[in-house]
Every structure is written in C-alpha cells, then in structure tokens.
Protein backbone atom coordinates (compact mmCIF):
# COMPACT_ATOMS: atom_id res chain seq x y z
CA MET A 1 -72.53 89.86 68.68
CA LEU A 2 -71.95 86.45 70.26
CA ASP A 3 -72.28 88.07 73.82
CA ARG A 4 -75.65 88.34 72.90
CA PRO A 5 -78.86 86.12 74.01
CA PRO A 6 -79.07 83.54 71.60
CA GLY A 7 -82.78 84.44 70.61
CA GLY A 8 -81.38 87.06 67.96
CA ILE A 9 -78.72 84.66 66.12
CA ASP A 10 -79.53 82.28 63.58
CA TRP A 11 -77.20 79.52 64.40
CA SER A 12 -77.55 77.30 61.66
CA ARG A 13 -76.67 79.85 59.07
CA MET A 14 -73.88 81.05 61.45
CA ILE A 15 -72.66 77.47 61.42
CA GLY A 16 -72.95 77.11 57.63
CA ASP A 17 -71.24 80.47 56.99
CA THR A 18 -68.49 79.41 59.44
CA ARG A 19 -68.13 76.27 57.61
CA ALA A 20 -68.08 77.41 54.06
CA SER A 21 -65.38 79.97 55.29
CA LEU A 22 -62.96 77.60 56.86
CA GLN A 23 -63.73 75.10 53.62
CA ARG A 24 -61.99 78.38 51.87
CA LEU A 25 -59.14 78.81 53.98
CA PRO A 26 -56.30 76.00 52.33
CA ALA A 27 -56.93 77.49 48.88
CA ALA A 28 -56.87 81.43 50.41
CA ARG A 29 -53.48 80.57 52.14
CA ALA A 30 -52.10 78.74 49.11
CA SER A 31 -52.73 81.88 47.04
CA PHE A 32 -51.50 84.46 49.74
CA LEU A 33 -48.15 82.26 50.57
CA VAL A 34 -47.65 82.11 46.54
CA THR A 35 -46.81 85.63 46.24
CA PHE A 36 -43.69 85.21 48.59
CA ASP A 37 -40.61 84.17 47.13
CA GLY A 38 -39.42 80.78 48.62
CA ALA A 39 -37.18 81.76 51.28
CA MET A 40 -39.55 84.24 52.54
CA ARG A 41 -42.63 81.98 52.00
CA ALA A 42 -40.46 79.12 54.27
CA GLU A 43 -39.98 81.48 57.20
CA ILE A 44 -43.70 82.56 57.08
CA GLU A 45 -44.31 78.72 57.43
CA GLU A 46 -41.90 78.48 59.73
CA ARG A 47 -43.07 81.40 62.32
CA ALA A 48 -46.73 80.24 61.63
CA ARG A 49 -45.38 76.59 62.99
CA GLN A 50 -44.29 78.17 66.18
CA MET A 51 -47.08 80.17 66.88
CA ARG A 52 -49.11 77.20 66.65
CA ASP A 53 -46.67 75.52 69.13
CA VAL A 54 -47.57 77.92 71.76
CA LEU A 55 -51.05 79.36 71.53
CA VAL A 56 -53.79 78.28 73.29
CA PRO A 57 -57.38 79.30 71.98
CA GLU A 58 -57.68 81.51 74.83
CA ASP A 59 -55.21 83.85 73.65
CA ALA A 60 -57.87 84.89 70.50
CA TYR A 61 -58.96 87.27 73.19
CA LEU A 62 -55.65 89.03 74.75
CA GLU A 63 -55.95 92.07 72.63
CA ILE A 64 -59.91 92.73 72.78
CA PRO A 65 -60.71 95.84 74.64
CA GLY A 66 -62.83 94.83 77.84
CA ARG A 67 -63.15 91.11 77.05
CA ASP A 68 -61.65 89.04 80.06
CA PRO A 69 -61.97 85.37 78.64
CA ASN A 70 -62.03 84.22 82.24
CA ALA A 71 -64.99 86.28 83.20
CA PRO A 72 -68.10 84.18 83.59
CA ARG A 73 -70.29 84.91 80.18
CA PRO A 74 -73.68 86.09 81.05
CA ARG A 75 -76.49 83.89 80.53
C-alpha cells in the first residue's frame, strides 16, 4: 500500500490512526507481559532491550519478499 502513488491515500487519517495505535501500545504491552511469571517477564524484557540495541529501522524490511530497502522508491 505504501508503494502506491500518494493520490489514493488519506494521509491525515492514516497519521491519526497510527498515532492512536501508538498511544495504545504501552497498555497493550503491559497487558501482554502480565500474563507471564516474573522470571519469564524479566527474560522477555532483557531480550527486547538487547534487540533494541542492535536493530535499525531498515531491518524491518529484511523478511518482506521482493522488498529491497535500498532500492530507489518509485515516484
């Protein structure tokens, strides 16, 4: 969808939806983590911290078939 020309996308609505989703993340994350016991929760938190230390935004494209993050974007 994001590789489409800009004319067919309601950008302000998409940004609003994204912001609303981001605001819900902390509560959703807390709800999810509370389902684990303390030791497992600590392990999950540590692994998440380690991953944040090494991942870069471009890594989000690594497993998308046919999507090369270094390829020029169509205009």
